[in-house]
Every structure is written in C-alpha cells, then in structure tokens.
Amino acid sequence: MSRIPLRPEPALLEFDNGPMPPDWKHIFGFSGPLELEIGCGMGGFALAYCQANPHVPYVAFEWRKKYAREVRYRAQKRQLLNLQVLELDARRYVPLLFAPQSLAGIHLQFPDPWWKTAHQKRAVLLPSFAHTLFSLLAPGGFFDFRTDVEERADSIIRILEDTGFLNPLGKGLFHPRPENDIPSSREQRYLITGQPVYRLQLFKPRG
C-alpha cells in the first residue's frame, strides 16, 4: 500500500455555499436508496458493490487521504457515477451531511480494534455515534458490520442491539455469509485462509 501515490485531487465535495445536509439527489444526479460506508480503506468493497448496484447512490468516508483519493481515482476510471468518496472524519461529518431517516443502509467493515484501553476512545462505533447512525437510518434500513476481531465483535453487537437495532437471528447472534455476498479485499484473504469473520446484518425496526 505504501507504493500508492498521494493523488493531488482531494476526495471532497464543495459544501460551503449549499444547504446542509446537502441534496444528495442533486449531487448524484439521480434518486435511489442512499447508502453510507464508514472507513472504506482501499475501496475493494465500495468499488465492487457500486458496480454491482448502479442504482444505489453510495457515499464512502475514509479519513486517510492516500486511500480516499485512490478510491476516488479508481471509481472515476471505472465511471462509477453512483460512488462519492470523502476524505473526512465520519464521526464529525456524518451527522452534518445526512438528514434523519435519510439512509437506506450503513456499512462498517473491519474497523481498527484499538487494542490499548487508553486508545479505545478513538474507536468509531462508540455508543453515542451508534445512536447518531440509528437516527439517520430510515425505518427498515440495515446496518452491515464485519470484523475479524472476536472481542470487538462482542462489543459492537452489544452496542448496536442496546441502541435499538433489531437482530433477525436473535439477540447476540452473528450472521453467516450470505450467498453472492461481495467481500472486501481484506475479507477475500480470510475466505482463502479460513480465518473467521464475525458478521452482523441488523435492521432499524419499522414500527
């Protein structure tokens, strides 16, 4: 990954003179079930998912500039008009850029585990942010979560279920890999080696 150059063009949109939250239908040029990915990394999942689902407007956050700009560059080369990549801190900007109940789906895959107790406050999915994401999802919207760290998986499933997300398999249960699921580049390696991946597909109740 270190050989990837830092692309000069920032992966950003101009929000200064427009309404907040922005009009995503106008930005994409079409309407559809808006989805969000937090921490897209090198974009293996985002690029493949958007190519397979061209009707889905998809916003991917990645705070590391090198990765965010590379994903945007690759999306442009593939002419993926349904993918917007932002080199921003999701915890700060997601509440500003999305209206309540405006998201059809949220993806969070393989977040940094932050092993040291002193560093765990840097984790993305703390209870306060989980409540924010819950408020941004439309009723019936889904939360797709994956990790290879069992300890982190146990923590996240408790946070999400305590926030109000519905687990269709039952409280505390992880999900098998669905047929025809799109793996990220990282998950592809685990599928080859057999390393376990802890998966959740939770929903916001409709009622």
Protein backbone atom coordinates (compact mmCIF):
# COMPACT_ATOMS: atom_id res chain seq x y z
CA MET A 1 0.00 0.00 0.00
CA SER A 2 2.94 2.35 0.62
CA ARG A 3 3.71 2.40 -3.11
CA ILE A 4 0.40 4.07 -3.89
CA PRO A 5 1.00 7.75 -4.69
CA LEU A 6 -0.92 10.53 -2.98
CA ARG A 7 -3.24 11.75 -5.72
CA PRO A 8 -3.24 15.56 -5.91
CA GLU A 9 -7.01 15.94 -6.28
CA PRO A 10 -8.78 15.86 -2.87
CA ALA A 11 -11.68 13.47 -2.42
CA LEU A 12 -14.06 16.19 -1.30
CA LEU A 13 -17.23 17.98 -2.32
CA GLU A 14 -17.97 21.70 -2.08
CA PHE A 15 -20.49 22.19 0.71
CA ASP A 16 -19.70 25.80 1.68
CA ASN A 17 -22.41 27.54 -0.31
CA GLY A 18 -25.07 24.88 -0.30
CA PRO A 19 -27.71 23.63 2.12
CA MET A 20 -26.82 21.30 4.96
CA PRO A 21 -27.47 18.45 4.79
CA PRO A 22 -26.74 18.61 1.05
CA ASP A 23 -29.14 17.47 -1.63
CA TRP A 24 -27.65 14.07 -2.44
CA LYS A 25 -30.14 13.53 -5.26
CA HIS A 26 -28.72 16.63 -6.92
CA ILE A 27 -25.11 15.61 -6.25
CA PHE A 28 -25.55 12.16 -7.77
CA GLY A 29 -27.94 13.25 -10.50
CA PHE A 30 -30.46 10.53 -9.67
CA SER A 31 -32.53 9.29 -6.74
CA GLY A 32 -32.17 5.94 -5.05
CA PRO A 33 -31.68 4.22 -1.68
CA LEU A 34 -28.80 6.25 -0.23
CA GLU A 35 -26.12 4.15 1.49
CA LEU A 36 -23.12 5.07 3.61
CA GLU A 37 -19.79 3.33 4.22
CA ILE A 38 -17.62 4.37 7.14
CA GLY A 39 -13.93 3.66 6.61
CA CYS A 40 -13.76 2.28 3.08
CA GLY A 41 -9.98 1.69 3.19
CA MET A 42 -8.69 0.88 -0.27
CA GLY A 43 -12.26 0.59 -1.52
CA GLY A 44 -12.39 -3.06 -2.51
CA PHE A 45 -15.94 -3.42 -1.21
CA ALA A 46 -17.19 0.03 -2.24
CA LEU A 47 -15.99 -0.28 -5.84
CA ALA A 48 -17.39 -3.78 -6.33
CA TYR A 49 -20.66 -3.00 -4.54
CA CYS A 50 -21.29 0.14 -6.58
CA GLN A 51 -20.51 -1.64 -9.81
CA ALA A 52 -22.99 -4.38 -8.92
CA ASN A 53 -25.63 -1.88 -7.71
CA PRO A 54 -25.56 1.11 -10.08
CA HIS A 55 -28.99 2.27 -8.82
CA VAL A 56 -27.62 2.83 -5.29
CA PRO A 57 -26.12 6.28 -4.51
CA TYR A 58 -23.20 5.42 -2.21
CA VAL A 59 -21.12 7.74 -0.01
CA ALA A 60 -17.85 6.33 1.34
CA PHE A 61 -15.85 8.03 4.10
CA GLU A 62 -12.12 7.42 4.56
CA TRP A 63 -10.04 9.78 6.70
CA ARG A 64 -6.69 8.62 5.26
CA LYS A 65 -6.09 10.91 2.28
CA LYS A 66 -3.98 8.47 0.28
CA TYR A 67 -6.65 5.77 0.42
CA ALA A 68 -9.60 8.09 -0.13
CA ARG A 69 -8.05 9.71 -3.19
CA GLU A 70 -7.05 6.36 -4.65
CA VAL A 71 -10.58 5.00 -4.30
CA ARG A 72 -11.99 8.11 -5.93
CA TYR A 73 -9.46 7.83 -8.77
CA ARG A 74 -10.39 4.19 -9.38
CA ALA A 75 -14.11 4.99 -9.24
CA GLN A 76 -13.64 7.66 -11.89
CA LYS A 77 -11.64 5.29 -14.10
CA ARG A 78 -14.47 2.76 -13.86
CA GLN A 79 -17.04 5.53 -14.49
CA LEU A 80 -18.93 4.69 -11.32
CA LEU A 81 -21.33 7.61 -11.15
CA ASN A 82 -23.01 6.26 -8.02
CA LEU A 83 -19.94 6.49 -5.74
CA GLN A 84 -18.79 9.59 -3.86
CA VAL A 85 -15.66 9.33 -1.69
CA LEU A 86 -14.94 11.83 1.08
CA GLU A 87 -11.61 12.18 2.91
CA LEU A 88 -13.28 13.25 6.14
CA ASP A 89 -13.66 12.04 9.73
CA ALA A 90 -17.01 10.25 9.71
CA ARG A 91 -17.69 10.88 13.39
CA ARG A 92 -17.59 14.63 12.82
CA TYR A 93 -19.16 14.97 9.38
CA VAL A 94 -21.75 12.20 9.05
CA PRO A 95 -24.18 13.99 11.43
CA LEU A 96 -23.84 17.15 9.33
CA LEU A 97 -24.17 15.61 5.87
CA PHE A 98 -27.16 13.30 6.31
CA ALA A 99 -30.69 14.06 7.41
CA PRO A 100 -32.56 11.92 9.93
CA GLN A 101 -34.03 8.77 8.36
CA SER A 102 -32.33 9.50 5.01
CA LEU A 103 -30.13 6.39 4.80
CA ALA A 104 -31.23 3.01 3.49
CA GLY A 105 -28.07 1.25 4.64
CA ILE A 106 -24.82 1.67 6.56
CA HIS A 107 -21.64 -0.38 6.07
CA LEU A 108 -18.81 -0.63 8.60
CA GLN A 109 -16.21 -3.28 7.89
CA PHE A 110 -13.06 -4.24 9.80
CA PRO A 111 -12.67 -1.09 11.92
CA ASP A 112 -9.44 -0.58 13.84
CA PRO A 113 -9.72 -2.58 17.10
CA TRP A 114 -7.68 -0.12 19.21
CA TRP A 115 -6.23 -2.77 21.50
CA LYS A 116 -4.95 -0.43 24.22
CA THR A 117 -7.56 0.73 26.73
CA ALA A 118 -6.26 4.31 26.55
CA HIS A 119 -6.88 4.35 22.80
CA GLN A 120 -10.37 2.85 22.73
CA LYS A 121 -11.93 6.30 22.73
CA ARG A 122 -10.70 6.57 19.12
CA ALA A 123 -12.99 3.73 18.07
CA VAL A 124 -15.63 4.70 15.51
CA LEU A 125 -18.62 2.87 16.91
CA LEU A 126 -18.95 4.18 20.44
CA PRO A 127 -22.49 4.21 21.87
CA SER A 128 -23.03 7.93 21.15
CA PHE A 129 -22.18 7.52 17.46
CA ALA A 130 -24.27 4.35 17.24
CA HIS A 131 -27.29 6.40 18.37
CA THR A 132 -26.49 9.00 15.71
CA LEU A 133 -26.35 6.35 12.98
CA PHE A 134 -29.59 4.82 14.23
CA SER A 135 -31.32 8.20 13.86
CA LEU A 136 -30.02 8.61 10.29
CA LEU A 137 -31.33 5.24 9.11
CA ALA A 138 -34.82 5.04 7.67
CA PRO A 139 -37.16 2.50 9.31
CA GLY A 140 -36.29 -0.87 7.84
CA GLY A 141 -32.77 0.30 6.96
CA PHE A 142 -29.87 -2.11 7.51
CA PHE A 143 -26.51 -2.00 9.27
CA ASP A 144 -23.82 -4.23 7.71
CA PHE A 145 -20.92 -4.86 10.13
CA ARG A 146 -17.90 -7.17 9.81
CA THR A 147 -14.75 -7.73 11.82
CA ASP A 148 -12.09 -10.40 12.28
CA VAL A 149 -11.61 -9.50 15.97
CA GLU A 150 -13.91 -11.54 18.21
CA GLU A 151 -13.54 -9.21 21.19
CA ARG A 152 -14.53 -6.23 19.05
CA ALA A 153 -17.44 -8.16 17.55
CA ASP A 154 -18.84 -8.97 21.01
CA SER A 155 -18.59 -5.30 21.99
CA ILE A 156 -20.20 -4.00 18.80
CA ILE A 157 -23.14 -6.39 18.85
CA ARG A 158 -23.99 -5.25 22.39
CA ILE A 159 -23.71 -1.57 21.44
CA LEU A 160 -25.90 -1.92 18.34
CA GLU A 161 -28.58 -4.04 19.97
CA ASP A 162 -28.68 -1.74 23.02
CA THR A 163 -29.11 1.21 20.63
CA GLY A 164 -32.26 -0.36 19.21
CA PHE A 165 -31.09 -2.27 16.15
CA LEU A 166 -33.02 -5.48 15.50
CA ASN A 167 -31.11 -8.74 15.10
CA PRO A 168 -33.30 -11.04 12.97
CA LEU A 169 -31.40 -14.16 14.13
CA GLY A 170 -31.82 -13.36 17.81
CA LYS A 171 -30.04 -11.23 20.37
CA GLY A 172 -26.27 -11.76 20.48
CA LEU A 173 -26.08 -13.97 17.38
CA PHE A 174 -23.72 -13.39 14.46
CA HIS A 175 -24.70 -13.99 10.87
CA PRO A 176 -23.44 -16.46 8.26
CA ARG A 177 -22.04 -15.15 5.00
CA PRO A 178 -24.93 -14.72 2.54
CA GLU A 179 -24.79 -16.33 -0.87
CA ASN A 180 -23.48 -13.94 -3.55
CA ASP A 181 -22.15 -11.56 -0.89
CA ILE A 182 -19.47 -9.09 -2.03
CA PRO A 183 -16.28 -9.42 0.06
CA SER A 184 -13.78 -6.63 0.55
CA SER A 185 -10.15 -7.20 -0.43
CA ARG A 186 -9.37 -7.99 3.20
CA GLU A 187 -12.23 -10.43 3.54
CA GLN A 188 -11.17 -12.22 0.35
CA ARG A 189 -7.92 -13.13 2.09
CA TYR A 190 -9.82 -14.52 5.07
CA LEU A 191 -12.04 -16.62 2.80
CA ILE A 192 -8.88 -18.22 1.41
CA THR A 193 -7.17 -18.78 4.76
CA GLY A 194 -10.32 -19.75 6.66
CA GLN A 195 -9.85 -17.06 9.29
CA PRO A 196 -13.22 -16.34 10.94
CA VAL A 197 -15.15 -13.18 10.14
CA TYR A 198 -17.85 -12.02 12.56
CA ARG A 199 -20.76 -10.57 10.63
CA LEU A 200 -23.93 -8.68 11.50
CA GLN A 201 -26.86 -7.64 9.34
CA LEU A 202 -29.06 -5.66 11.71
CA PHE A 203 -32.13 -3.54 10.96
CA LYS A 204 -33.90 -0.49 12.30
CA PRO A 205 -37.41 -1.53 13.31
CA ARG A 206 -40.22 -0.26 11.11
CA GLY A 207 -42.63 0.34 13.93
